[in-house]
């Protein structure tokens, strides 16, 4: 994307200028919703509409947008007013996720729908892949994310409790927590991802059985 006026606006907080990202965020939110809906329509044909809506709610949630923005170091590019510092906003999920949407809006205005669609597919590549894996291969982490988001509006948090074994043959022990830091499940595996899947599986089973651990 060219270093245009609209691009600069996409990264400008209202504390720094009257020409800030909020209107672009409004536009980007709509473009994101359309692209995600298009993806889910093509990928989940024949699936219950309520389930598709829950998956969409997860994909466009502030939690997911914040994680994507963090992975791409968005906070370091935001222009702030003198009253704010980077450390004040780097953990602000609303601001960081709003900027991702404003960037989508800027791509749309600068390059058109097709390039904004490609941009969204690029930054959501892992999430789109995980959603498809969940349907095809039983991804418990994605299932737990969607279940928790639909019930409580928050996403699960994973924490490595300990590791055992030598460097080349470790076993990882992981627990998964809800928004109030209550343990939902635990698991272990040869990799952190494997342990997280096991913990998520236990958490899904616990939640569906009434929360008994």
N, C-alpha and C. Protein backbone atom coordinates (compact mmCIF):
# COMPACT_ATOMS: atom_id res chain seq x y z
N UNK A 1 0.85 -1.20 0.00
CA UNK A 1 0.00 0.00 0.00
C UNK A 1 0.88 1.24 0.00
N UNK A 2 0.59 2.18 -0.84
CA UNK A 2 1.37 3.39 -0.96
C UNK A 2 1.29 4.21 0.32
N UNK A 3 2.33 5.01 0.54
CA UNK A 3 2.38 5.86 1.72
C UNK A 3 1.54 7.11 1.48
N UNK A 4 0.25 6.93 1.35
CA UNK A 4 -0.66 7.99 0.99
C UNK A 4 -1.24 8.66 2.23
N UNK A 5 -1.99 9.71 2.01
CA UNK A 5 -2.64 10.43 3.11
C UNK A 5 -3.57 9.51 3.88
N UNK A 6 -4.31 8.69 3.17
CA UNK A 6 -5.27 7.81 3.82
C UNK A 6 -4.55 6.75 4.65
N UNK A 7 -3.36 6.33 4.21
CA UNK A 7 -2.58 5.37 4.98
C UNK A 7 -2.12 5.98 6.29
N UNK A 8 -1.61 7.20 6.22
CA UNK A 8 -1.19 7.90 7.44
C UNK A 8 -2.36 8.09 8.39
N UNK A 9 -3.53 8.41 7.83
CA UNK A 9 -4.72 8.60 8.65
C UNK A 9 -5.09 7.31 9.38
N UNK A 10 -4.89 6.18 8.71
CA UNK A 10 -5.25 4.88 9.29
C UNK A 10 -4.46 4.59 10.56
N UNK A 11 -3.26 5.16 10.68
CA UNK A 11 -2.42 4.91 11.84
C UNK A 11 -2.40 6.08 12.82
N UNK A 12 -3.29 7.05 12.64
CA UNK A 12 -3.28 8.25 13.49
C UNK A 12 -4.40 8.21 14.52
N UNK A 13 -4.03 8.30 15.77
CA UNK A 13 -4.98 8.34 16.87
C UNK A 13 -5.57 9.75 16.98
N UNK A 14 -6.78 9.86 17.49
CA UNK A 14 -7.44 11.16 17.56
C UNK A 14 -6.75 12.13 18.52
N UNK A 15 -5.88 11.62 19.37
CA UNK A 15 -5.12 12.51 20.26
C UNK A 15 -4.04 13.27 19.50
N UNK A 16 -3.73 12.81 18.27
CA UNK A 16 -2.65 13.42 17.49
C UNK A 16 -3.15 14.34 16.39
N UNK A 17 -4.38 14.13 15.91
CA UNK A 17 -4.88 14.92 14.78
C UNK A 17 -6.39 14.80 14.65
N UNK A 18 -6.99 15.80 14.02
CA UNK A 18 -8.43 15.72 13.72
C UNK A 18 -8.69 14.72 12.60
N UNK A 19 -7.67 14.44 11.80
CA UNK A 19 -7.79 13.45 10.73
C UNK A 19 -7.25 12.12 11.26
N UNK A 20 -8.11 11.42 11.99
CA UNK A 20 -7.68 10.19 12.66
C UNK A 20 -8.38 8.98 12.04
N UNK A 21 -8.16 7.83 12.66
CA UNK A 21 -8.55 6.57 12.04
C UNK A 21 -10.01 6.16 12.21
N UNK A 22 -10.81 6.84 13.00
CA UNK A 22 -12.11 6.30 13.39
C UNK A 22 -13.07 6.08 12.22
N UNK A 23 -13.12 7.01 11.28
CA UNK A 23 -14.01 6.81 10.12
C UNK A 23 -13.52 5.65 9.25
N UNK A 24 -12.21 5.53 9.11
CA UNK A 24 -11.65 4.41 8.35
C UNK A 24 -11.94 3.09 9.05
N UNK A 25 -11.92 3.10 10.37
CA UNK A 25 -12.24 1.90 11.16
C UNK A 25 -13.67 1.46 10.91
N UNK A 26 -14.58 2.43 10.83
CA UNK A 26 -15.98 2.15 10.54
C UNK A 26 -16.11 1.46 9.18
N UNK A 27 -15.39 1.98 8.19
CA UNK A 27 -15.42 1.40 6.84
C UNK A 27 -14.77 0.02 6.84
N UNK A 28 -13.61 -0.09 7.48
CA UNK A 28 -12.89 -1.36 7.50
C UNK A 28 -13.67 -2.46 8.19
N UNK A 29 -14.41 -2.10 9.23
CA UNK A 29 -15.24 -3.08 9.93
C UNK A 29 -16.25 -3.72 8.98
N UNK A 30 -16.84 -2.90 8.11
CA UNK A 30 -17.82 -3.42 7.14
C UNK A 30 -17.15 -4.29 6.09
N UNK A 31 -15.98 -3.86 5.60
CA UNK A 31 -15.26 -4.66 4.60
C UNK A 31 -14.84 -6.00 5.20
N UNK A 32 -14.33 -5.96 6.41
CA UNK A 32 -13.92 -7.19 7.09
C UNK A 32 -15.10 -8.14 7.26
N UNK A 33 -16.24 -7.61 7.68
CA UNK A 33 -17.42 -8.43 7.85
C UNK A 33 -17.85 -9.10 6.56
N UNK A 34 -17.76 -8.35 5.44
CA UNK A 34 -18.14 -8.90 4.14
C UNK A 34 -17.19 -10.02 3.72
N UNK A 35 -15.89 -9.78 3.85
CA UNK A 35 -14.91 -10.78 3.41
C UNK A 35 -15.00 -12.05 4.26
N UNK A 36 -15.14 -11.89 5.56
CA UNK A 36 -15.27 -13.06 6.44
C UNK A 36 -16.56 -13.82 6.13
N UNK A 37 -17.64 -13.09 5.91
CA UNK A 37 -18.92 -13.74 5.56
C UNK A 37 -18.80 -14.51 4.25
N UNK A 38 -18.13 -13.91 3.28
CA UNK A 38 -17.91 -14.57 1.98
C UNK A 38 -17.11 -15.86 2.17
N UNK A 39 -16.05 -15.78 2.97
CA UNK A 39 -15.22 -16.96 3.24
C UNK A 39 -16.04 -18.06 3.90
N UNK A 40 -16.81 -17.71 4.92
CA UNK A 40 -17.59 -18.71 5.64
C UNK A 40 -18.70 -19.29 4.78
N UNK A 41 -19.29 -18.46 3.93
CA UNK A 41 -20.34 -18.96 3.02
C UNK A 41 -19.77 -20.04 2.10
N UNK A 42 -18.58 -19.79 1.57
CA UNK A 42 -17.96 -20.74 0.65
C UNK A 42 -17.43 -21.98 1.37
N UNK A 43 -16.95 -21.80 2.58
CA UNK A 43 -16.30 -22.89 3.30
C UNK A 43 -17.27 -23.78 4.07
N UNK A 44 -18.38 -23.20 4.52
CA UNK A 44 -19.27 -23.92 5.42
C UNK A 44 -20.68 -24.10 4.84
N UNK A 45 -20.76 -24.28 3.54
CA UNK A 45 -22.06 -24.52 2.93
C UNK A 45 -22.72 -25.74 3.55
N UNK A 46 -23.98 -25.60 3.89
CA UNK A 46 -24.71 -26.70 4.50
C UNK A 46 -24.63 -26.72 6.01
N UNK A 47 -23.81 -25.82 6.59
CA UNK A 47 -23.71 -25.73 8.04
C UNK A 47 -24.82 -24.86 8.59
N UNK A 48 -25.27 -25.16 9.79
CA UNK A 48 -26.31 -24.37 10.44
C UNK A 48 -25.90 -22.89 10.49
N UNK A 49 -26.84 -22.01 10.13
CA UNK A 49 -26.55 -20.58 10.06
C UNK A 49 -26.12 -20.03 11.42
N UNK A 50 -26.72 -20.53 12.48
CA UNK A 50 -26.35 -20.08 13.81
C UNK A 50 -24.89 -20.38 14.12
N UNK A 51 -24.42 -21.55 13.69
CA UNK A 51 -23.03 -21.93 13.90
C UNK A 51 -22.11 -21.03 13.08
N UNK A 52 -22.50 -20.73 11.83
CA UNK A 52 -21.70 -19.83 11.00
C UNK A 52 -21.61 -18.45 11.64
N UNK A 53 -22.70 -17.98 12.18
CA UNK A 53 -22.72 -16.66 12.83
C UNK A 53 -21.79 -16.64 14.04
N UNK A 54 -21.75 -17.74 14.80
CA UNK A 54 -20.86 -17.80 15.95
C UNK A 54 -19.39 -17.79 15.52
N UNK A 55 -19.10 -18.50 14.44
CA UNK A 55 -17.73 -18.53 13.93
C UNK A 55 -17.34 -17.13 13.43
N UNK A 56 -18.25 -16.48 12.73
CA UNK A 56 -17.96 -15.11 12.27
C UNK A 56 -17.71 -14.19 13.47
N UNK A 57 -18.56 -14.32 14.50
CA UNK A 57 -18.39 -13.49 15.69
C UNK A 57 -17.01 -13.65 16.30
N UNK A 58 -16.51 -14.87 16.28
CA UNK A 58 -15.16 -15.13 16.79
C UNK A 58 -14.11 -14.48 15.91
N UNK A 59 -14.20 -14.69 14.60
CA UNK A 59 -13.17 -14.20 13.68
C UNK A 59 -13.04 -12.68 13.68
N UNK A 60 -14.16 -11.96 13.81
CA UNK A 60 -14.10 -10.49 13.76
C UNK A 60 -14.05 -9.87 15.15
N UNK A 61 -13.87 -10.69 16.18
CA UNK A 61 -13.86 -10.19 17.55
C UNK A 61 -12.62 -9.33 17.82
N UNK A 62 -12.73 -8.45 18.80
CA UNK A 62 -11.61 -7.61 19.19
C UNK A 62 -10.43 -8.45 19.65
N UNK A 63 -10.70 -9.60 20.28
CA UNK A 63 -9.64 -10.46 20.76
C UNK A 63 -8.77 -10.96 19.60
N UNK A 64 -9.40 -11.43 18.55
CA UNK A 64 -8.66 -11.94 17.39
C UNK A 64 -7.94 -10.81 16.67
N UNK A 65 -8.62 -9.69 16.48
CA UNK A 65 -7.99 -8.55 15.81
C UNK A 65 -6.79 -8.04 16.60
N UNK A 66 -6.91 -8.00 17.91
CA UNK A 66 -5.81 -7.56 18.75
C UNK A 66 -4.61 -8.49 18.61
N UNK A 67 -4.87 -9.80 18.60
CA UNK A 67 -3.77 -10.75 18.45
C UNK A 67 -3.08 -10.58 17.11
N UNK A 68 -3.87 -10.43 16.04
CA UNK A 68 -3.29 -10.23 14.71
C UNK A 68 -2.47 -8.95 14.67
N UNK A 69 -3.00 -7.90 15.28
CA UNK A 69 -2.29 -6.62 15.31
C UNK A 69 -0.99 -6.74 16.10
N UNK A 70 -1.01 -7.47 17.20
CA UNK A 70 0.18 -7.67 18.02
C UNK A 70 1.23 -8.44 17.25
N UNK A 71 0.81 -9.47 16.53
CA UNK A 71 1.74 -10.27 15.73
C UNK A 71 2.41 -9.44 14.65
N UNK A 72 1.72 -8.38 14.19
CA UNK A 72 2.26 -7.52 13.14
C UNK A 72 2.80 -6.19 13.67
N UNK A 73 2.94 -6.10 15.01
CA UNK A 73 3.55 -4.94 15.66
C UNK A 73 2.88 -3.62 15.26
N UNK A 74 1.55 -3.64 15.21
CA UNK A 74 0.80 -2.46 14.81
C UNK A 74 1.01 -1.29 15.77
N UNK A 75 1.11 -1.56 17.05
CA UNK A 75 1.21 -0.49 18.06
C UNK A 75 2.38 0.44 17.79
N UNK A 76 3.48 -0.09 17.29
CA UNK A 76 4.69 0.72 17.08
C UNK A 76 4.51 1.73 15.95
N UNK A 77 3.49 1.53 15.12
CA UNK A 77 3.28 2.42 13.97
C UNK A 77 2.20 3.49 14.21
N UNK A 78 1.52 3.42 15.33
CA UNK A 78 0.42 4.36 15.60
C UNK A 78 0.97 5.72 16.02
N UNK A 79 0.47 6.77 15.39
CA UNK A 79 0.87 8.13 15.74
C UNK A 79 -0.03 8.64 16.86
N UNK A 80 0.59 9.04 17.97
CA UNK A 80 -0.15 9.46 19.16
C UNK A 80 0.11 10.93 19.48
N UNK A 81 -0.83 11.52 20.22
CA UNK A 81 -0.64 12.87 20.72
C UNK A 81 0.35 12.87 21.88
N UNK A 82 0.78 14.05 22.30
CA UNK A 82 1.80 14.16 23.34
C UNK A 82 1.35 13.60 24.68
N UNK A 83 0.05 13.52 24.90
CA UNK A 83 -0.47 13.03 26.19
C UNK A 83 -0.41 11.51 26.30
N UNK A 84 -0.21 10.83 25.19
CA UNK A 84 -0.17 9.36 25.19
C UNK A 84 1.21 8.86 24.80
N UNK A 85 1.59 7.72 25.36
CA UNK A 85 2.83 7.07 25.00
C UNK A 85 2.52 5.65 24.51
N UNK A 86 3.47 5.06 23.80
CA UNK A 86 3.26 3.72 23.25
C UNK A 86 2.84 2.73 24.33
N UNK A 87 3.46 2.82 25.50
CA UNK A 87 3.14 1.87 26.57
C UNK A 87 1.70 2.02 27.05
N UNK A 88 1.09 3.20 26.80
CA UNK A 88 -0.28 3.43 27.24
C UNK A 88 -1.29 2.70 26.37
N UNK A 89 -0.90 2.40 25.13
CA UNK A 89 -1.86 1.80 24.21
C UNK A 89 -1.51 0.40 23.74
N UNK A 90 -0.30 -0.07 24.03
CA UNK A 90 0.12 -1.35 23.46
C UNK A 90 -0.70 -2.54 23.96
N UNK A 91 -1.36 -2.39 25.11
CA UNK A 91 -2.23 -3.45 25.61
C UNK A 91 -3.71 -3.05 25.58
N UNK A 92 -4.01 -1.95 24.89
CA UNK A 92 -5.39 -1.49 24.75
C UNK A 92 -6.02 -2.20 23.55
N UNK A 93 -6.81 -3.23 23.85
CA UNK A 93 -7.35 -4.07 22.77
C UNK A 93 -8.26 -3.30 21.83
N UNK A 94 -9.02 -2.34 22.36
CA UNK A 94 -9.94 -1.59 21.50
C UNK A 94 -9.18 -0.74 20.49
N UNK A 95 -8.21 0.02 20.97
CA UNK A 95 -7.45 0.89 20.06
C UNK A 95 -6.70 0.07 19.03
N UNK A 96 -5.99 -0.95 19.47
CA UNK A 96 -5.16 -1.74 18.56
C UNK A 96 -6.02 -2.46 17.52
N UNK A 97 -7.14 -3.04 17.95
CA UNK A 97 -8.01 -3.75 17.01
C UNK A 97 -8.71 -2.78 16.07
N UNK A 98 -9.05 -1.58 16.57
CA UNK A 98 -9.66 -0.57 15.70
C UNK A 98 -8.70 -0.13 14.60
N UNK A 99 -7.42 -0.05 14.92
CA UNK A 99 -6.44 0.37 13.91
C UNK A 99 -6.32 -0.68 12.81
N UNK A 100 -6.37 -1.96 13.17
CA UNK A 100 -6.36 -3.01 12.14
C UNK A 100 -7.52 -2.80 11.17
N UNK A 101 -8.70 -2.51 11.70
CA UNK A 101 -9.86 -2.27 10.84
C UNK A 101 -9.69 -1.01 10.01
N UNK A 102 -9.06 0.02 10.59
CA UNK A 102 -8.83 1.26 9.82
C UNK A 102 -7.86 1.02 8.68
N UNK A 103 -6.87 0.16 8.90
CA UNK A 103 -5.92 -0.18 7.84
C UNK A 103 -6.65 -0.90 6.70
N UNK A 104 -7.56 -1.80 7.06
CA UNK A 104 -8.38 -2.47 6.04
C UNK A 104 -9.17 -1.44 5.23
N UNK A 105 -9.75 -0.46 5.93
CA UNK A 105 -10.48 0.60 5.24
C UNK A 105 -9.58 1.39 4.31
N UNK A 106 -8.35 1.64 4.75
CA UNK A 106 -7.40 2.39 3.93
C UNK A 106 -6.99 1.61 2.68
N UNK A 107 -6.78 0.31 2.84
CA UNK A 107 -6.45 -0.54 1.69
C UNK A 107 -7.60 -0.51 0.69
N UNK A 108 -8.81 -0.58 1.19
CA UNK A 108 -9.99 -0.55 0.30
C UNK A 108 -10.05 0.76 -0.49
N UNK A 109 -9.86 1.89 0.20
CA UNK A 109 -9.94 3.18 -0.48
C UNK A 109 -8.78 3.39 -1.45
N UNK A 110 -7.61 2.86 -1.10
CA UNK A 110 -6.42 3.07 -1.93
C UNK A 110 -6.37 2.12 -3.13
N UNK A 111 -6.78 0.86 -2.89
CA UNK A 111 -6.56 -0.17 -3.91
C UNK A 111 -7.82 -0.90 -4.37
N UNK A 112 -8.94 -0.70 -3.69
CA UNK A 112 -10.16 -1.36 -4.12
C UNK A 112 -10.48 -2.63 -3.34
N UNK A 113 -11.64 -3.18 -3.65
CA UNK A 113 -12.13 -4.32 -2.87
C UNK A 113 -11.25 -5.55 -2.99
N UNK A 114 -10.82 -5.89 -4.20
CA UNK A 114 -10.08 -7.14 -4.38
C UNK A 114 -8.78 -7.15 -3.59
N UNK A 115 -8.07 -6.03 -3.58
CA UNK A 115 -6.82 -6.00 -2.81
C UNK A 115 -7.09 -5.99 -1.31
N UNK A 116 -8.18 -5.35 -0.89
CA UNK A 116 -8.52 -5.39 0.53
C UNK A 116 -8.91 -6.81 0.93
N UNK A 117 -9.58 -7.50 0.05
CA UNK A 117 -9.93 -8.91 0.29
C UNK A 117 -8.68 -9.76 0.43
N UNK A 118 -7.71 -9.58 -0.47
CA UNK A 118 -6.45 -10.32 -0.40
C UNK A 118 -5.69 -10.01 0.88
N UNK A 119 -5.71 -8.74 1.27
CA UNK A 119 -5.04 -8.32 2.50
C UNK A 119 -5.64 -9.02 3.72
N UNK A 120 -6.97 -9.06 3.79
CA UNK A 120 -7.65 -9.73 4.90
C UNK A 120 -7.32 -11.22 4.92
N UNK A 121 -7.33 -11.85 3.75
CA UNK A 121 -7.01 -13.27 3.69
C UNK A 121 -5.56 -13.52 4.13
N UNK A 122 -4.68 -12.58 3.86
CA UNK A 122 -3.27 -12.73 4.25
C UNK A 122 -3.11 -12.64 5.78
N UNK A 123 -3.72 -11.63 6.40
CA UNK A 123 -3.53 -11.46 7.85
C UNK A 123 -4.35 -12.45 8.66
N UNK A 124 -5.40 -13.02 8.04
CA UNK A 124 -6.23 -14.01 8.72
C UNK A 124 -5.89 -15.43 8.28
N UNK A 125 -4.78 -15.61 7.58
CA UNK A 125 -4.47 -16.92 6.98
C UNK A 125 -4.49 -18.04 8.02
N UNK A 126 -3.83 -17.84 9.15
CA UNK A 126 -3.77 -18.89 10.17
C UNK A 126 -5.15 -19.14 10.78
N UNK A 127 -5.90 -18.08 11.01
CA UNK A 127 -7.23 -18.23 11.61
C UNK A 127 -8.19 -18.93 10.66
N UNK A 128 -8.14 -18.57 9.38
CA UNK A 128 -8.99 -19.24 8.40
C UNK A 128 -8.61 -20.72 8.31
N UNK A 129 -7.31 -21.00 8.35
CA UNK A 129 -6.86 -22.38 8.28
C UNK A 129 -7.32 -23.16 9.52
N UNK A 130 -7.21 -22.53 10.69
CA UNK A 130 -7.63 -23.19 11.93
C UNK A 130 -9.12 -23.49 11.94
N UNK A 131 -9.91 -22.56 11.42
CA UNK A 131 -11.36 -22.76 11.37
C UNK A 131 -11.68 -23.96 10.49
N UNK A 132 -11.00 -24.07 9.35
CA UNK A 132 -11.23 -25.21 8.46
C UNK A 132 -10.75 -26.50 9.12
N UNK A 133 -9.64 -26.42 9.84
CA UNK A 133 -9.12 -27.61 10.53
C UNK A 133 -10.09 -28.07 11.60
N UNK A 134 -10.70 -27.12 12.26
CA UNK A 134 -11.66 -27.46 13.31
C UNK A 134 -12.80 -28.28 12.74
N UNK A 135 -13.29 -27.88 11.55
CA UNK A 135 -14.39 -28.63 10.96
C UNK A 135 -13.94 -30.00 10.46
N UNK A 136 -12.76 -30.03 9.87
CA UNK A 136 -12.32 -31.26 9.22
C UNK A 136 -11.59 -32.22 10.16
N UNK A 137 -10.85 -31.69 11.14
CA UNK A 137 -9.98 -32.53 11.94
C UNK A 137 -10.19 -32.41 13.44
N UNK A 138 -11.22 -31.73 13.88
CA UNK A 138 -11.50 -31.64 15.30
C UNK A 138 -10.52 -30.77 16.07
N UNK A 139 -10.45 -29.51 15.75
CA UNK A 139 -9.56 -28.57 16.44
C UNK A 139 -10.26 -28.08 17.71
N UNK A 140 -9.89 -28.65 18.85
CA UNK A 140 -10.56 -28.32 20.11
C UNK A 140 -10.28 -26.89 20.55
N UNK A 141 -9.12 -26.34 20.20
CA UNK A 141 -8.84 -24.96 20.57
C UNK A 141 -9.83 -24.01 19.90
N UNK A 142 -10.08 -24.21 18.62
CA UNK A 142 -11.05 -23.37 17.92
C UNK A 142 -12.46 -23.59 18.46
N UNK A 143 -12.80 -24.85 18.75
CA UNK A 143 -14.13 -25.15 19.30
C UNK A 143 -14.32 -24.46 20.65
N UNK A 144 -13.28 -24.49 21.49
CA UNK A 144 -13.37 -23.84 22.80
C UNK A 144 -13.48 -22.33 22.64
N UNK A 145 -12.73 -21.75 21.71
CA UNK A 145 -12.79 -20.31 21.48
C UNK A 145 -14.21 -19.88 21.09
N UNK A 146 -14.80 -20.59 20.17
CA UNK A 146 -16.14 -20.25 19.70
C UNK A 146 -17.17 -20.46 20.81
N UNK A 147 -17.02 -21.56 21.55
CA UNK A 147 -17.94 -21.86 22.64
C UNK A 147 -17.89 -20.77 23.71
N UNK A 148 -16.70 -20.38 24.12
CA UNK A 148 -16.57 -19.36 25.16
C UNK A 148 -17.02 -18.00 24.68
N UNK A 149 -16.70 -17.67 23.43
CA UNK A 149 -17.10 -16.37 22.90
C UNK A 149 -18.61 -16.25 22.84
N UNK A 150 -19.28 -17.32 22.45
CA UNK A 150 -20.73 -17.28 22.34
C UNK A 150 -21.41 -17.25 23.71
N UNK A 151 -20.76 -17.81 24.72
CA UNK A 151 -21.35 -17.88 26.06
C UNK A 151 -20.99 -16.67 26.92
N UNK A 152 -19.70 -16.30 26.93
CA UNK A 152 -19.24 -15.26 27.86
C UNK A 152 -18.60 -14.04 27.19
N UNK A 153 -18.34 -14.13 25.89
CA UNK A 153 -17.75 -12.99 25.18
C UNK A 153 -16.26 -12.84 25.37
N UNK A 154 -15.59 -13.82 25.99
CA UNK A 154 -14.14 -13.77 26.17
C UNK A 154 -13.50 -15.01 25.56
N UNK A 155 -12.20 -14.92 25.34
CA UNK A 155 -11.47 -16.05 24.79
C UNK A 155 -10.65 -16.74 25.88
N UNK A 156 -10.37 -18.02 25.71
CA UNK A 156 -9.59 -18.74 26.72
C UNK A 156 -8.14 -18.27 26.76
N UNK A 157 -7.52 -18.46 27.90
CA UNK A 157 -6.10 -18.11 28.08
C UNK A 157 -5.34 -19.37 28.46
N UNK A 158 -4.25 -19.62 27.74
CA UNK A 158 -3.44 -20.82 28.00
C UNK A 158 -2.18 -20.44 28.79
N UNK A 159 -1.79 -21.31 29.72
CA UNK A 159 -0.62 -21.05 30.54
C UNK A 159 0.18 -22.34 30.71
N UNK A 160 1.48 -22.25 30.40
CA UNK A 160 2.37 -23.40 30.61
C UNK A 160 2.69 -23.50 32.09
N UNK A 161 2.34 -24.63 32.70
CA UNK A 161 2.57 -24.83 34.12
C UNK A 161 4.01 -25.27 34.41
N UNK A 162 4.49 -26.21 33.61
CA UNK A 162 5.84 -26.71 33.80
C UNK A 162 6.23 -27.57 32.61
N UNK A 163 7.50 -27.91 32.55
CA UNK A 163 7.99 -28.86 31.56
C UNK A 163 8.78 -29.94 32.28
N UNK A 164 8.79 -31.13 31.70
CA UNK A 164 9.55 -32.24 32.25
C UNK A 164 10.36 -32.89 31.13
N UNK A 165 11.50 -33.44 31.49
CA UNK A 165 12.31 -34.14 30.50
C UNK A 165 13.46 -33.29 29.98
N UNK A 166 14.30 -33.91 29.20
CA UNK A 166 15.45 -33.24 28.62
C UNK A 166 15.03 -32.37 27.43
N UNK A 167 15.95 -31.50 27.02
CA UNK A 167 15.65 -30.50 25.99
C UNK A 167 15.05 -31.11 24.73
N UNK A 168 15.58 -32.23 24.29
CA UNK A 168 15.13 -32.84 23.03
C UNK A 168 13.94 -33.78 23.22
N UNK A 169 13.51 -33.94 24.47
CA UNK A 169 12.42 -34.89 24.74
C UNK A 169 11.52 -34.37 25.87
N UNK A 170 11.07 -33.14 25.72
CA UNK A 170 10.29 -32.50 26.77
C UNK A 170 8.81 -32.89 26.71
N UNK A 171 8.17 -32.83 27.87
CA UNK A 171 6.72 -32.91 27.96
C UNK A 171 6.24 -31.60 28.57
N UNK A 172 5.28 -30.98 27.91
CA UNK A 172 4.75 -29.69 28.36
C UNK A 172 3.42 -29.92 29.07
N UNK A 173 3.25 -29.23 30.20
CA UNK A 173 2.01 -29.30 30.97
C UNK A 173 1.35 -27.93 30.92
N UNK A 174 0.10 -27.88 30.45
CA UNK A 174 -0.59 -26.63 30.17
C UNK A 174 -1.97 -26.63 30.82
N UNK A 175 -2.43 -25.48 31.26
CA UNK A 175 -3.81 -25.32 31.70
C UNK A 175 -4.46 -24.21 30.89
N UNK A 176 -5.78 -24.26 30.78
CA UNK A 176 -6.53 -23.22 30.08
C UNK A 176 -7.50 -22.58 31.07
N UNK A 177 -7.55 -21.24 31.03
CA UNK A 177 -8.32 -20.47 31.99
C UNK A 177 -9.42 -19.68 31.30
N UNK A 178 -10.47 -19.34 32.07
CA UNK A 178 -11.50 -18.45 31.54
C UNK A 178 -11.16 -17.01 31.91
N UNK A 179 -12.08 -16.10 31.66
CA UNK A 179 -11.82 -14.68 31.89
C UNK A 179 -11.57 -14.32 33.33
N UNK A 180 -12.08 -15.12 34.26
CA UNK A 180 -11.88 -14.87 35.70
C UNK A 180 -10.71 -15.67 36.26
N UNK A 181 -9.90 -16.25 35.36
CA UNK A 181 -8.71 -17.03 35.72
C UNK A 181 -9.05 -18.38 36.37
N UNK A 182 -10.28 -18.86 36.17
CA UNK A 182 -10.67 -20.17 36.65
C UNK A 182 -10.20 -21.23 35.66
N UNK A 183 -9.60 -22.29 36.15
CA UNK A 183 -9.11 -23.33 35.27
C UNK A 183 -10.27 -24.12 34.66
N UNK A 184 -10.24 -24.25 33.35
CA UNK A 184 -11.27 -25.00 32.64
C UNK A 184 -10.82 -26.40 32.28
N UNK A 185 -9.52 -26.57 32.10
CA UNK A 185 -9.00 -27.87 31.72
C UNK A 185 -7.48 -27.85 31.71
N UNK A 186 -6.88 -29.03 31.65
CA UNK A 186 -5.42 -29.13 31.61
C UNK A 186 -5.03 -30.27 30.68
N UNK A 187 -3.78 -30.23 30.24
CA UNK A 187 -3.32 -31.28 29.34
C UNK A 187 -1.82 -31.29 29.25
N UNK A 188 -1.27 -32.31 28.62
CA UNK A 188 0.17 -32.37 28.40
C UNK A 188 0.45 -32.96 27.03
N UNK A 189 1.64 -32.67 26.53
CA UNK A 189 2.00 -33.15 25.21
C UNK A 189 3.46 -32.90 24.91
N UNK A 190 3.92 -33.42 23.77
CA UNK A 190 5.32 -33.26 23.37
C UNK A 190 5.62 -31.85 22.86
N UNK A 191 4.59 -31.12 22.48
CA UNK A 191 4.74 -29.72 22.10
C UNK A 191 3.71 -28.91 22.87
N UNK A 192 3.93 -27.59 22.92
CA UNK A 192 2.96 -26.73 23.60
C UNK A 192 1.61 -26.79 22.90
N UNK A 193 1.62 -26.79 21.57
CA UNK A 193 0.36 -26.85 20.82
C UNK A 193 -0.41 -28.14 21.12
N UNK A 194 0.31 -29.23 21.21
CA UNK A 194 -0.34 -30.51 21.51
C UNK A 194 -0.95 -30.48 22.91
N UNK A 195 -0.21 -29.91 23.87
CA UNK A 195 -0.71 -29.81 25.23
C UNK A 195 -1.92 -28.88 25.31
N UNK A 196 -1.88 -27.78 24.54
CA UNK A 196 -3.01 -26.86 24.52
C UNK A 196 -4.25 -27.52 23.94
N UNK A 197 -4.08 -28.34 22.91
CA UNK A 197 -5.21 -29.06 22.33
C UNK A 197 -5.83 -30.01 23.34
N UNK A 198 -4.99 -30.67 24.11
CA UNK A 198 -5.49 -31.60 25.12
C UNK A 198 -6.24 -30.86 26.23
N UNK A 199 -5.68 -29.70 26.63
CA UNK A 199 -6.34 -28.89 27.65
C UNK A 199 -7.68 -28.36 27.13
N UNK A 200 -7.68 -27.93 25.86
CA UNK A 200 -8.91 -27.40 25.27
C UNK A 200 -9.97 -28.49 25.16
N UNK A 201 -9.55 -29.72 24.81
CA UNK A 201 -10.49 -30.83 24.71
C UNK A 201 -11.16 -31.08 26.06
N UNK A 202 -10.35 -31.08 27.12
CA UNK A 202 -10.90 -31.29 28.46
C UNK A 202 -11.84 -30.15 28.84
N UNK A 203 -11.46 -28.92 28.47
CA UNK A 203 -12.29 -27.76 28.80
C UNK A 203 -13.64 -27.82 28.09
N UNK A 204 -13.63 -28.20 26.82
CA UNK A 204 -14.88 -28.33 26.05
C UNK A 204 -15.78 -29.37 26.70
N UNK A 205 -15.18 -30.51 27.06
CA UNK A 205 -15.96 -31.57 27.70
C UNK A 205 -16.52 -31.11 29.04
N UNK A 206 -15.72 -30.38 29.81
CA UNK A 206 -16.18 -29.87 31.12
C UNK A 206 -17.32 -28.89 30.95
N UNK A 207 -17.17 -27.96 30.01
CA UNK A 207 -18.21 -26.96 29.80
C UNK A 207 -19.51 -27.58 29.33
N UNK A 208 -19.40 -28.55 28.44
CA UNK A 208 -20.61 -29.19 27.91
C UNK A 208 -21.29 -30.09 28.92
N UNK A 209 -20.51 -30.52 29.93
CA UNK A 209 -21.10 -31.40 30.96
C UNK A 209 -21.54 -30.62 32.19
N UNK A 210 -21.45 -29.29 32.10
CA UNK A 210 -21.93 -28.47 33.21
C UNK A 210 -20.85 -27.85 34.06
N UNK A 211 -19.60 -27.88 33.56
CA UNK A 211 -18.52 -27.19 34.24
C UNK A 211 -17.82 -28.01 35.30
N UNK A 212 -18.07 -29.32 35.35
CA UNK A 212 -17.39 -30.16 36.35
C UNK A 212 -15.99 -30.50 35.87
N UNK A 213 -15.02 -30.39 36.77
CA UNK A 213 -13.63 -30.67 36.43
C UNK A 213 -13.26 -32.06 36.94
